[in-house]
Amino acid sequence: MATPTIFVQLFQLYYHSRLLPAFATALGTEKNDKVKEQVASAILFFLKNTLPDSFSFRAGRDELIMKLLVSVQGDVTPKHKSILLSAFNIVAEKCATVALEFQSSYLPILLEACNDENYEVKEEAARGIRICAESESQEVKRLMKEILSKLYFLLKHPNQPLRSLENAKARDIAVSALGRICKCHRDCIDASNLVPIWLSFLPLKEELNEAKIMHEQLCLMVYGSDMDLLGPENQNLAKIIVVFVEVIEKGKTLATPETVKTMTHLLGDLMLLSMNSQQQQLLSSLVSS
C-alpha cells in the first residue's frame, strides 16, 4: 500500500496538466497577501514533489514560469517573495534545460533581490545565483561583473552583521556562489584574485549543505594542485591548512565522510609543502633517526 507522501506525489503527477494552469491563474488573480503566500507555498510543494516529471511536457509549464517571474517582481510580502524565488530555484536545480530558457529574465531578478532587507530573500537570491553559475551559461558570463558586485555586497555590506545567524547563512550561500564561479567560469574572471578571496571566507559553518559542497570543491582543487588556489610560492597554504584542520575537527558536520577522509590524507602533504627546505631536511633527519 502506498504511503501518504507517495500517494500525494502520484496524485500531483497524474493531475499536473490541470494543476499547472490552476496555479498560474491563482498567481495572476489573487489579491489577498495571505492567500497569495499560500498559493506560492502550494506551488513550491508541488514542484519539490513532482519535478522533473511534471515539466516533461510544455503544456502549462511555460505559463506557470512566466507567472512566477511576473509575481516575484510585483508588490509582494518578503515571505511571498522568498517562496517564489525558492520555487524558481527548484526549477533551475531539477530542470536546468527548462530554466535556461528563462535565465535572461530570472538572473536580473536574482541580482536585484540581493539588495532586499529580508534575509530569506537574500538567501534565495544567492542560492539562485549559485545554481545559475553551475549552468556555465553565456548569460552568466555576460552579467559576471554585476554578479560579482552583488555577491561582494552580500559578503561585506556593513549593515549585515556577520554574527547574525540569518545573515551568516546568506553569506555562506554567497560564498558558495562565488566558489561555483571560480570553478565554472575561469575564462571570464581574474582567478588569481578571485579564488583567494573565496578561500578567505572558508570554512563555511552555518549553511551546512553549501558548506559540504564548498569544502569538497576545496579538497578537489588542492588535490589538483590548483595554482590560483595555492598562490605564488604557495603563499595560501597556511590558510588552506587552517581550513582543513577546522573541517576535519568538526567531522561530518561540515563535510561528507569521504571529503574528511581525503582532507586528512592531504593534510600531511600540505604541512610538508608549507615547510622551507631547511625545515624539510630537519624533519627528514628526525624521521630517519
C-alpha atoms as a PDB file:
ATOM      1  CA  MET A   1       0.000   0.000   0.000  1.00  0.00           C
ATOM      2  CA  ALA A   2       1.382   3.413  -0.980  1.00  0.00           C
ATOM      3  CA  THR A   3       2.410   5.781   1.802  1.00  0.00           C
ATOM      4  CA  PRO A   4       0.529   9.111   2.034  1.00  0.00           C
ATOM      5  CA  THR A   5       3.524  11.014   0.631  1.00  0.00           C
ATOM      6  CA  ILE A   6       3.824   8.730  -2.385  1.00  0.00           C
ATOM      7  CA  PHE A   7       0.056   8.932  -2.923  1.00  0.00           C
ATOM      8  CA  VAL A   8       0.215  12.747  -2.951  1.00  0.00           C
ATOM      9  CA  GLN A   9       3.113  12.666  -5.418  1.00  0.00           C
ATOM     10  CA  LEU A  10       1.255  10.284  -7.718  1.00  0.00           C
ATOM     11  CA  PHE A  11      -1.891  12.398  -7.481  1.00  0.00           C
ATOM     12  CA  GLN A  12       0.027  15.556  -8.343  1.00  0.00           C
ATOM     13  CA  LEU A  13       1.751  13.929 -11.290  1.00  0.00           C
ATOM     14  CA  TYR A  14      -1.484  12.464 -12.640  1.00  0.00           C
ATOM     15  CA  TYR A  15      -3.328  15.776 -12.477  1.00  0.00           C
ATOM     16  CA  HIS A  16      -0.407  18.114 -13.210  1.00  0.00           C
ATOM     17  CA  SER A  17      -1.928  19.139 -16.565  1.00  0.00           C
ATOM     18  CA  ARG A  18      -4.800  20.667 -14.569  1.00  0.00           C
ATOM     19  CA  LEU A  19      -2.810  21.878 -11.584  1.00  0.00           C
ATOM     20  CA  LEU A  20      -0.252  23.914 -13.546  1.00  0.00           C
ATOM     21  CA  PRO A  21      -2.837  26.183 -15.249  1.00  0.00           C
ATOM     22  CA  ALA A  22      -4.744  26.490 -11.960  1.00  0.00           C
ATOM     23  CA  PHE A  23      -1.598  27.615 -10.155  1.00  0.00           C
ATOM     24  CA  ALA A  24      -0.811  30.112 -12.910  1.00  0.00           C
ATOM     25  CA  THR A  25      -4.326  31.558 -12.746  1.00  0.00           C
ATOM     26  CA  ALA A  26      -4.211  31.854  -8.961  1.00  0.00           C
ATOM     27  CA  LEU A  27      -0.877  33.676  -9.117  1.00  0.00           C
ATOM     28  CA  GLY A  28      -2.271  36.187 -11.560  1.00  0.00           C
ATOM     29  CA  THR A  29      -5.660  36.903  -9.979  1.00  0.00           C
ATOM     30  CA  GLU A  30      -5.437  36.556  -6.190  1.00  0.00           C
ATOM     31  CA  LYS A  31      -5.204  39.876  -4.291  1.00  0.00           C
ATOM     32  CA  ASN A  32      -5.059  38.860  -0.623  1.00  0.00           C
ATOM     33  CA  ASP A  33      -1.445  38.705   0.619  1.00  0.00           C
ATOM     34  CA  LYS A  34      -2.019  35.742   2.909  1.00  0.00           C
ATOM     35  CA  VAL A  35      -3.749  33.741   0.196  1.00  0.00           C
ATOM     36  CA  LYS A  36      -1.015  34.638  -2.310  1.00  0.00           C
ATOM     37  CA  GLU A  37       1.586  33.275   0.108  1.00  0.00           C
ATOM     38  CA  GLN A  38      -0.442  30.078   0.453  1.00  0.00           C
ATOM     39  CA  VAL A  39      -0.666  29.732  -3.332  1.00  0.00           C
ATOM     40  CA  ALA A  40       3.097  30.208  -3.643  1.00  0.00           C
ATOM     41  CA  SER A  41       3.674  27.617  -0.892  1.00  0.00           C
ATOM     42  CA  ALA A  42       1.406  25.145  -2.702  1.00  0.00           C
ATOM     43  CA  ILE A  43       3.357  25.676  -5.932  1.00  0.00           C
ATOM     44  CA  LEU A  44       6.654  25.168  -4.106  1.00  0.00           C
ATOM     45  CA  PHE A  45       5.366  21.950  -2.520  1.00  0.00           C
ATOM     46  CA  PHE A  46       4.114  20.738  -5.897  1.00  0.00           C
ATOM     47  CA  LEU A  47       7.425  21.438  -7.647  1.00  0.00           C
ATOM     48  CA  LYS A  48       9.502  19.813  -4.904  1.00  0.00           C
ATOM     49  CA  ASN A  49       7.448  16.636  -5.143  1.00  0.00           C
ATOM     50  CA  THR A  50       6.949  16.322  -8.897  1.00  0.00           C
ATOM     51  CA  LEU A  51       9.925  17.785 -10.769  1.00  0.00           C
ATOM     52  CA  PRO A  52      11.287  16.946 -13.255  1.00  0.00           C
ATOM     53  CA  ASP A  53       8.394  14.666 -14.294  1.00  0.00           C
ATOM     54  CA  SER A  54       5.670  17.330 -14.120  1.00  0.00           C
ATOM     55  CA  PHE A  55       7.643  19.524 -16.554  1.00  0.00           C
ATOM     56  CA  SER A  56       8.108  16.763 -19.119  1.00  0.00           C
ATOM     57  CA  PHE A  57       5.560  18.453 -21.358  1.00  0.00           C
ATOM     58  CA  ARG A  58       5.340  22.125 -22.207  1.00  0.00           C
ATOM     59  CA  ALA A  59       1.587  22.320 -21.518  1.00  0.00           C
ATOM     60  CA  GLY A  60       1.057  24.740 -18.647  1.00  0.00           C
ATOM     61  CA  ARG A  61       4.751  24.781 -17.788  1.00  0.00           C
ATOM     62  CA  ASP A  62       5.808  27.982 -19.542  1.00  0.00           C
ATOM     63  CA  GLU A  63       2.708  29.844 -18.386  1.00  0.00           C
ATOM     64  CA  LEU A  64       3.449  28.970 -14.760  1.00  0.00           C
ATOM     65  CA  ILE A  65       7.087  30.039 -15.044  1.00  0.00           C
ATOM     66  CA  MET A  66       6.106  33.348 -16.647  1.00  0.00           C
ATOM     67  CA  LYS A  67       3.588  33.986 -13.859  1.00  0.00           C
ATOM     68  CA  LEU A  68       6.287  33.223 -11.276  1.00  0.00           C
ATOM     69  CA  LEU A  69       8.596  35.755 -12.931  1.00  0.00           C
ATOM     70  CA  VAL A  70       5.883  38.417 -13.063  1.00  0.00           C
ATOM     71  CA  SER A  71       4.738  37.775  -9.486  1.00  0.00           C
ATOM     72  CA  VAL A  72       8.198  37.971  -7.938  1.00  0.00           C
ATOM     73  CA  GLN A  73       8.637  41.452  -9.415  1.00  0.00           C
ATOM     74  CA  GLY A  74       5.280  42.640  -8.110  1.00  0.00           C
ATOM     75  CA  ASP A  75       4.181  44.157  -4.817  1.00  0.00           C
ATOM     76  CA  VAL A  76       4.576  41.097  -2.597  1.00  0.00           C
ATOM     77  CA  THR A  77       5.493  40.478   1.031  1.00  0.00           C
ATOM     78  CA  PRO A  78       9.083  39.380   1.793  1.00  0.00           C
ATOM     79  CA  LYS A  79       7.849  35.910   2.749  1.00  0.00           C
ATOM     80  CA  HIS A  80       5.916  35.600  -0.513  1.00  0.00           C
ATOM     81  CA  LYS A  81       8.940  36.772  -2.498  1.00  0.00           C
ATOM     82  CA  SER A  82      11.273  34.283  -0.846  1.00  0.00           C
ATOM     83  CA  ILE A  83       8.841  31.432  -1.598  1.00  0.00           C
ATOM     84  CA  LEU A  84       8.578  32.466  -5.255  1.00  0.00           C
ATOM     85  CA  LEU A  85      12.367  32.646  -5.571  1.00  0.00           C
ATOM     86  CA  SER A  86      12.666  29.256  -3.907  1.00  0.00           C
ATOM     87  CA  ALA A  87      10.150  27.806  -6.370  1.00  0.00           C
ATOM     88  CA  PHE A  88      12.134  29.011  -9.353  1.00  0.00           C
ATOM     89  CA  ASN A  89      15.372  27.798  -7.769  1.00  0.00           C
ATOM     90  CA  ILE A  90      13.838  24.326  -7.525  1.00  0.00           C
ATOM     91  CA  VAL A  91      13.034  24.518 -11.235  1.00  0.00           C
ATOM     92  CA  ALA A  92      16.576  25.681 -12.026  1.00  0.00           C
ATOM     93  CA  GLU A  93      18.089  22.866  -9.969  1.00  0.00           C
ATOM     94  CA  LYS A  94      15.909  20.000 -11.181  1.00  0.00           C
ATOM     95  CA  CYS A  95      15.094  21.168 -14.719  1.00  0.00           C
ATOM     96  CA  ALA A  96      18.212  23.039 -15.810  1.00  0.00           C
ATOM     97  CA  THR A  97      17.345  22.962 -19.513  1.00  0.00           C
ATOM     98  CA  VAL A  98      13.914  24.475 -18.903  1.00  0.00           C
ATOM     99  CA  ALA A  99      15.284  27.132 -16.548  1.00  0.00           C
ATOM    100  CA  LEU A 100      17.969  28.079 -19.054  1.00  0.00           C
ATOM    101  CA  GLU A 101      15.252  29.311 -21.421  1.00  0.00           C
ATOM    102  CA  PHE A 102      14.222  31.904 -18.828  1.00  0.00           C
ATOM    103  CA  GLN A 103      17.618  32.750 -17.358  1.00  0.00           C
ATOM    104  CA  SER A 104      17.894  36.088 -19.176  1.00  0.00           C
ATOM    105  CA  SER A 105      14.760  37.193 -17.289  1.00  0.00           C
ATOM    106  CA  TYR A 106      15.431  35.454 -13.989  1.00  0.00           C
ATOM    107  CA  LEU A 107      19.078  36.304 -13.371  1.00  0.00           C
ATOM    108  CA  PRO A 108      18.468  40.100 -13.214  1.00  0.00           C
ATOM    109  CA  ILE A 109      15.671  39.417 -10.703  1.00  0.00           C
ATOM    110  CA  LEU A 110      18.123  37.491  -8.531  1.00  0.00           C
ATOM    111  CA  LEU A 111      20.649  40.321  -8.713  1.00  0.00           C
ATOM    112  CA  GLU A 112      18.040  42.859  -7.649  1.00  0.00           C
ATOM    113  CA  ALA A 113      16.880  40.599  -4.808  1.00  0.00           C
ATOM    114  CA  CYS A 114      20.387  40.699  -3.311  1.00  0.00           C
ATOM    115  CA  ASN A 115      19.540  44.257  -2.191  1.00  0.00           C
ATOM    116  CA  ASP A 116      16.481  43.136  -0.229  1.00  0.00           C
ATOM    117  CA  GLU A 117      16.409  43.763   3.520  1.00  0.00           C
ATOM    118  CA  ASN A 118      14.846  40.365   4.229  1.00  0.00           C
ATOM    119  CA  TYR A 119      17.418  37.653   4.959  1.00  0.00           C
ATOM    120  CA  GLU A 120      15.301  34.848   3.428  1.00  0.00           C
ATOM    121  CA  VAL A 121      15.037  36.754   0.153  1.00  0.00           C
ATOM    122  CA  LYS A 122      18.810  37.315   0.164  1.00  0.00           C
ATOM    123  CA  GLU A 123      19.417  33.618   0.847  1.00  0.00           C
ATOM    124  CA  GLU A 124      17.270  32.537  -2.096  1.00  0.00           C
ATOM    125  CA  ALA A 125      18.839  35.194  -4.343  1.00  0.00           C
ATOM    126  CA  ALA A 126      22.349  33.961  -3.540  1.00  0.00           C
ATOM    127  CA  ARG A 127      21.280  30.324  -3.957  1.00  0.00           C
ATOM    128  CA  GLY A 128      19.754  31.123  -7.340  1.00  0.00           C
ATOM    129  CA  ILE A 129      22.978  32.788  -8.474  1.00  0.00           C
ATOM    130  CA  ARG A 130      24.925  29.715  -7.367  1.00  0.00           C
ATOM    131  CA  ILE A 131      22.610  27.444  -9.355  1.00  0.00           C
ATOM    132  CA  CYS A 132      22.814  29.696 -12.414  1.00  0.00           C
ATOM    133  CA  ALA A 133      26.613  29.763 -12.180  1.00  0.00           C
ATOM    134  CA  GLU A 134      26.685  25.966 -12.354  1.00  0.00           C
ATOM    135  CA  SER A 135      24.918  26.108 -15.726  1.00  0.00           C
ATOM    136  CA  GLU A 136      28.018  27.770 -17.271  1.00  0.00           C
ATOM    137  CA  SER A 137      25.666  29.767 -19.498  1.00  0.00           C
ATOM    138  CA  GLN A 138      26.598  32.749 -21.644  1.00  0.00           C
ATOM    139  CA  GLU A 139      24.057  34.827 -19.729  1.00  0.00           C
ATOM    140  CA  VAL A 140      26.052  34.335 -16.533  1.00  0.00           C
ATOM    141  CA  LYS A 141      29.259  35.268 -18.327  1.00  0.00           C
ATOM    142  CA  ARG A 142      27.608  38.374 -19.802  1.00  0.00           C
ATOM    143  CA  LEU A 143      26.487  39.582 -16.376  1.00  0.00           C
ATOM    144  CA  MET A 144      29.596  38.475 -14.482  1.00  0.00           C
ATOM    145  CA  LYS A 145      30.601  41.986 -13.406  1.00  0.00           C
ATOM    146  CA  GLU A 146      27.155  42.651 -11.895  1.00  0.00           C
ATOM    147  CA  ILE A 147      27.028  39.180 -10.311  1.00  0.00           C
ATOM    148  CA  LEU A 148      30.357  39.640  -8.544  1.00  0.00           C
ATOM    149  CA  SER A 149      29.323  43.105  -7.389  1.00  0.00           C
ATOM    150  CA  LYS A 150      26.146  41.737  -5.773  1.00  0.00           C
ATOM    151  CA  LEU A 151      27.963  38.824  -4.159  1.00  0.00           C
ATOM    152  CA  TYR A 152      30.537  41.196  -2.663  1.00  0.00           C
ATOM    153  CA  PHE A 153      27.625  43.268  -1.377  1.00  0.00           C
ATOM    154  CA  LEU A 154      26.207  40.233   0.434  1.00  0.00           C
ATOM    155  CA  LEU A 155      29.615  39.304   1.795  1.00  0.00           C
ATOM    156  CA  LYS A 156      30.765  42.682   3.046  1.00  0.00           C
ATOM    157  CA  HIS A 157      27.788  45.032   3.373  1.00  0.00           C
ATOM    158  CA  PRO A 158      28.204  46.984   6.657  1.00  0.00           C
ATOM    159  CA  ASN A 159      24.508  46.764   7.572  1.00  0.00           C
ATOM    160  CA  GLN A 160      24.666  42.981   7.690  1.00  0.00           C
ATOM    161  CA  PRO A 161      26.365  41.915  10.938  1.00  0.00           C
ATOM    162  CA  LEU A 162      28.094  38.615  10.250  1.00  0.00           C
ATOM    163  CA  ARG A 163      27.330  37.454  13.801  1.00  0.00           C
ATOM    164  CA  SER A 164      23.660  37.357  12.900  1.00  0.00           C
ATOM    165  CA  LEU A 165      22.727  33.736  12.147  1.00  0.00           C
ATOM    166  CA  GLU A 166      20.347  34.728   9.350  1.00  0.00           C
ATOM    167  CA  ASN A 167      22.864  36.949   7.582  1.00  0.00           C
ATOM    168  CA  ALA A 168      25.591  34.357   8.159  1.00  0.00           C
ATOM    169  CA  LYS A 169      23.543  31.839   6.183  1.00  0.00           C
ATOM    170  CA  ALA A 170      23.049  34.312   3.335  1.00  0.00           C
ATOM    171  CA  ARG A 171      26.774  34.994   3.421  1.00  0.00           C
ATOM    172  CA  ASP A 172      27.609  31.270   3.257  1.00  0.00           C
ATOM    173  CA  ILE A 173      25.394  30.839   0.204  1.00  0.00           C
ATOM    174  CA  ALA A 174      27.049  33.869  -1.426  1.00  0.00           C
ATOM    175  CA  VAL A 175      30.461  32.288  -0.762  1.00  0.00           C
ATOM    176  CA  SER A 176      29.179  29.095  -2.377  1.00  0.00           C
ATOM    177  CA  ALA A 177      28.054  31.064  -5.435  1.00  0.00           C
ATOM    178  CA  LEU A 178      31.490  32.677  -5.604  1.00  0.00           C
ATOM    179  CA  GLY A 179      33.075  29.234  -5.408  1.00  0.00           C
ATOM    180  CA  ARG A 180      30.996  27.918  -8.282  1.00  0.00           C
ATOM    181  CA  ILE A 181      32.007  30.925 -10.371  1.00  0.00           C
ATOM    182  CA  CYS A 182      35.653  30.115  -9.610  1.00  0.00           C
ATOM    183  CA  LYS A 183      35.014  26.533 -10.715  1.00  0.00           C
ATOM    184  CA  CYS A 184      32.881  27.079 -13.807  1.00  0.00           C
ATOM    185  CA  HIS A 185      33.864  30.487 -15.206  1.00  0.00           C
ATOM    186  CA  ARG A 186      37.648  30.795 -15.113  1.00  0.00           C
ATOM    187  CA  ASP A 187      37.555  32.110 -18.678  1.00  0.00           C
ATOM    188  CA  CYS A 188      35.867  35.388 -17.683  1.00  0.00           C
ATOM    189  CA  ILE A 189      37.247  36.170 -14.214  1.00  0.00           C
ATOM    190  CA  ASP A 190      40.595  37.120 -12.713  1.00  0.00           C
ATOM    191  CA  ALA A 191      41.011  33.765 -10.994  1.00  0.00           C
ATOM    192  CA  SER A 192      44.353  34.647  -9.381  1.00  0.00           C
ATOM    193  CA  ASN A 193      42.497  37.346  -7.434  1.00  0.00           C
ATOM    194  CA  LEU A 194      39.033  35.805  -7.027  1.00  0.00           C
ATOM    195  CA  VAL A 195      39.992  32.301  -5.870  1.00  0.00           C
ATOM    196  CA  PRO A 196      41.981  33.596  -2.839  1.00  0.00           C
ATOM    197  CA  ILE A 197      39.049  35.876  -1.959  1.00  0.00           C
ATOM    198  CA  TRP A 198      36.771  32.830  -1.994  1.00  0.00           C
ATOM    199  CA  LEU A 199      39.275  30.906   0.136  1.00  0.00           C
ATOM    200  CA  SER A 200      39.378  33.730   2.690  1.00  0.00           C
ATOM    201  CA  PHE A 201      35.706  33.101   3.595  1.00  0.00           C
ATOM    202  CA  LEU A 202      36.199  29.373   4.268  1.00  0.00           C
ATOM    203  CA  PRO A 203      35.313  27.300   6.173  1.00  0.00           C
ATOM    204  CA  LEU A 204      31.546  27.717   5.990  1.00  0.00           C
ATOM    205  CA  LYS A 205      29.767  26.875   9.237  1.00  0.00           C
ATOM    206  CA  GLU A 206      26.126  27.999   9.084  1.00  0.00           C
ATOM    207  CA  GLU A 207      24.589  26.762   5.817  1.00  0.00           C
ATOM    208  CA  LEU A 208      25.678  23.146   6.112  1.00  0.00           C
ATOM    209  CA  ASN A 209      24.604  21.908   2.678  1.00  0.00           C
ATOM    210  CA  GLU A 210      26.570  24.675   0.982  1.00  0.00           C
ATOM    211  CA  ALA A 211      29.463  24.013   3.387  1.00  0.00           C
ATOM    212  CA  LYS A 212      29.740  20.406   2.243  1.00  0.00           C
ATOM    213  CA  ILE A 213      29.660  21.461  -1.411  1.00  0.00           C
ATOM    214  CA  MET A 214      32.371  24.095  -0.951  1.00  0.00           C
ATOM    215  CA  HIS A 215      34.666  22.020   1.249  1.00  0.00           C
ATOM    216  CA  GLU A 216      34.529  19.186  -1.268  1.00  0.00           C
ATOM    217  CA  GLN A 217      35.389  21.684  -4.022  1.00  0.00           C
ATOM    218  CA  LEU A 218      38.335  22.999  -1.981  1.00  0.00           C
ATOM    219  CA  CYS A 219      39.555  19.456  -1.427  1.00  0.00           C
ATOM    220  CA  LEU A 220      39.417  18.677  -5.150  1.00  0.00           C
ATOM    221  CA  MET A 221      41.239  21.903  -6.018  1.00  0.00           C
ATOM    222  CA  VAL A 222      44.032  21.086  -3.559  1.00  0.00           C
ATOM    223  CA  TYR A 223      44.245  17.546  -4.919  1.00  0.00           C
ATOM    224  CA  GLY A 224      44.581  19.008  -8.419  1.00  0.00           C
ATOM    225  CA  SER A 225      47.272  21.491  -7.276  1.00  0.00           C
ATOM    226  CA  ASP A 226      45.208  24.464  -8.435  1.00  0.00           C
ATOM    227  CA  MET A 227      47.765  27.250  -8.885  1.00  0.00           C
ATOM    228  CA  ASP A 228      45.258  30.067  -8.383  1.00  0.00           C
ATOM    229  CA  LEU A 229      44.315  28.488  -5.062  1.00  0.00           C
ATOM    230  CA  LEU A 230      47.857  27.812  -3.850  1.00  0.00           C
ATOM    231  CA  GLY A 231      49.067  31.250  -4.945  1.00  0.00           C
ATOM    232  CA  PRO A 232      52.580  32.425  -5.864  1.00  0.00           C
ATOM    233  CA  GLU A 233      55.176  30.393  -3.956  1.00  0.00           C
ATOM    234  CA  ASN A 234      52.319  28.564  -2.202  1.00  0.00           C
ATOM    235  CA  GLN A 235      51.506  31.661  -0.173  1.00  0.00           C
ATOM    236  CA  ASN A 236      47.942  30.470   0.557  1.00  0.00           C
ATOM    237  CA  LEU A 237      48.995  27.149   2.081  1.00  0.00           C
ATOM    238  CA  ALA A 238      48.675  28.359   5.666  1.00  0.00           C
ATOM    239  CA  LYS A 239      45.045  29.380   5.133  1.00  0.00           C
ATOM    240  CA  ILE A 240      44.250  26.096   3.366  1.00  0.00           C
ATOM    241  CA  ILE A 241      45.749  24.122   6.258  1.00  0.00           C
ATOM    242  CA  VAL A 242      43.690  26.103   8.783  1.00  0.00           C
ATOM    243  CA  VAL A 243      40.502  25.373   6.815  1.00  0.00           C
ATOM    244  CA  PHE A 244      41.337  21.670   6.542  1.00  0.00           C
ATOM    245  CA  VAL A 245      42.009  21.406  10.283  1.00  0.00           C
ATOM    246  CA  GLU A 246      38.740  23.156  11.192  1.00  0.00           C
ATOM    247  CA  VAL A 247      36.695  20.989   8.824  1.00  0.00           C
ATOM    248  CA  ILE A 248      38.350  17.754   9.967  1.00  0.00           C
ATOM    249  CA  GLU A 249      37.804  18.727  13.609  1.00  0.00           C
ATOM    250  CA  LYS A 250      34.046  19.113  13.008  1.00  0.00           C
ATOM    251  CA  GLY A 251      33.859  15.721  11.305  1.00  0.00           C
ATOM    252  CA  LYS A 252      30.825  15.041   9.134  1.00  0.00           C
ATOM    253  CA  THR A 253      29.100  18.273  10.224  1.00  0.00           C
ATOM    254  CA  LEU A 254      30.901  20.454   7.660  1.00  0.00           C
ATOM    255  CA  ALA A 255      31.858  17.831   5.070  1.00  0.00           C
ATOM    256  CA  THR A 256      30.956  14.382   3.838  1.00  0.00           C
ATOM    257  CA  PRO A 257      32.877  11.439   5.339  1.00  0.00           C
ATOM    258  CA  GLU A 258      34.670  10.997   2.014  1.00  0.00           C
ATOM    259  CA  THR A 259      35.787  14.642   1.971  1.00  0.00           C
ATOM    260  CA  VAL A 260      37.024  14.426   5.576  1.00  0.00           C
ATOM    261  CA  LYS A 261      38.971  11.282   4.699  1.00  0.00           C
ATOM    262  CA  THR A 262      40.581  12.937   1.671  1.00  0.00           C
ATOM    263  CA  MET A 263      41.396  16.105   3.630  1.00  0.00           C
ATOM    264  CA  THR A 264      43.049  14.035   6.361  1.00  0.00           C
ATOM    265  CA  HIS A 265      45.147  12.265   3.742  1.00  0.00           C
ATOM    266  CA  LEU A 266      46.163  15.544   2.075  1.00  0.00           C
ATOM    267  CA  LEU A 267      46.906  17.430   5.289  1.00  0.00           C
ATOM    268  CA  GLY A 268      50.278  15.765   5.825  1.00  0.00           C
ATOM    269  CA  ASP A 269      51.366  16.655   2.299  1.00  0.00           C
ATOM    270  CA  LEU A 270      50.257  20.254   2.817  1.00  0.00           C
ATOM    271  CA  MET A 271      52.160  20.526   6.097  1.00  0.00           C
ATOM    272  CA  LEU A 272      55.303  19.242   4.413  1.00  0.00           C
ATOM    273  CA  LEU A 273      54.828  21.555   1.444  1.00  0.00           C
ATOM    274  CA  SER A 274      54.480  24.544   3.769  1.00  0.00           C
ATOM    275  CA  MET A 275      57.946  23.972   5.236  1.00  0.00           C
ATOM    276  CA  ASN A 276      61.074  25.534   3.801  1.00  0.00           C
ATOM    277  CA  SER A 277      63.931  23.318   2.638  1.00  0.00           C
ATOM    278  CA  GLN A 278      65.770  23.546   5.974  1.00  0.00           C
ATOM    279  CA  GLN A 279      62.666  22.502   7.912  1.00  0.00           C
ATOM    280  CA  GLN A 280      62.054  19.624   5.499  1.00  0.00           C
ATOM    281  CA  GLN A 281      65.640  18.385   5.924  1.00  0.00           C
ATOM    282  CA  LEU A 282      65.323  18.577   9.708  1.00  0.00           C
ATOM    283  CA  LEU A 283      62.062  16.626   9.641  1.00  0.00           C
ATOM    284  CA  SER A 284      63.583  14.032   7.321  1.00  0.00           C
ATOM    285  CA  SER A 285      66.549  13.537   9.647  1.00  0.00           C
ATOM    286  CA  LEU A 286      64.254  13.176  12.659  1.00  0.00           C
ATOM    287  CA  VAL A 287      62.108  10.585  10.881  1.00  0.00           C
ATOM    288  CA  SER A 288      65.093   8.558   9.670  1.00  0.00           C
ATOM    289  CA  SER A 289      66.935   8.616  13.018  1.00  0.00           C
END
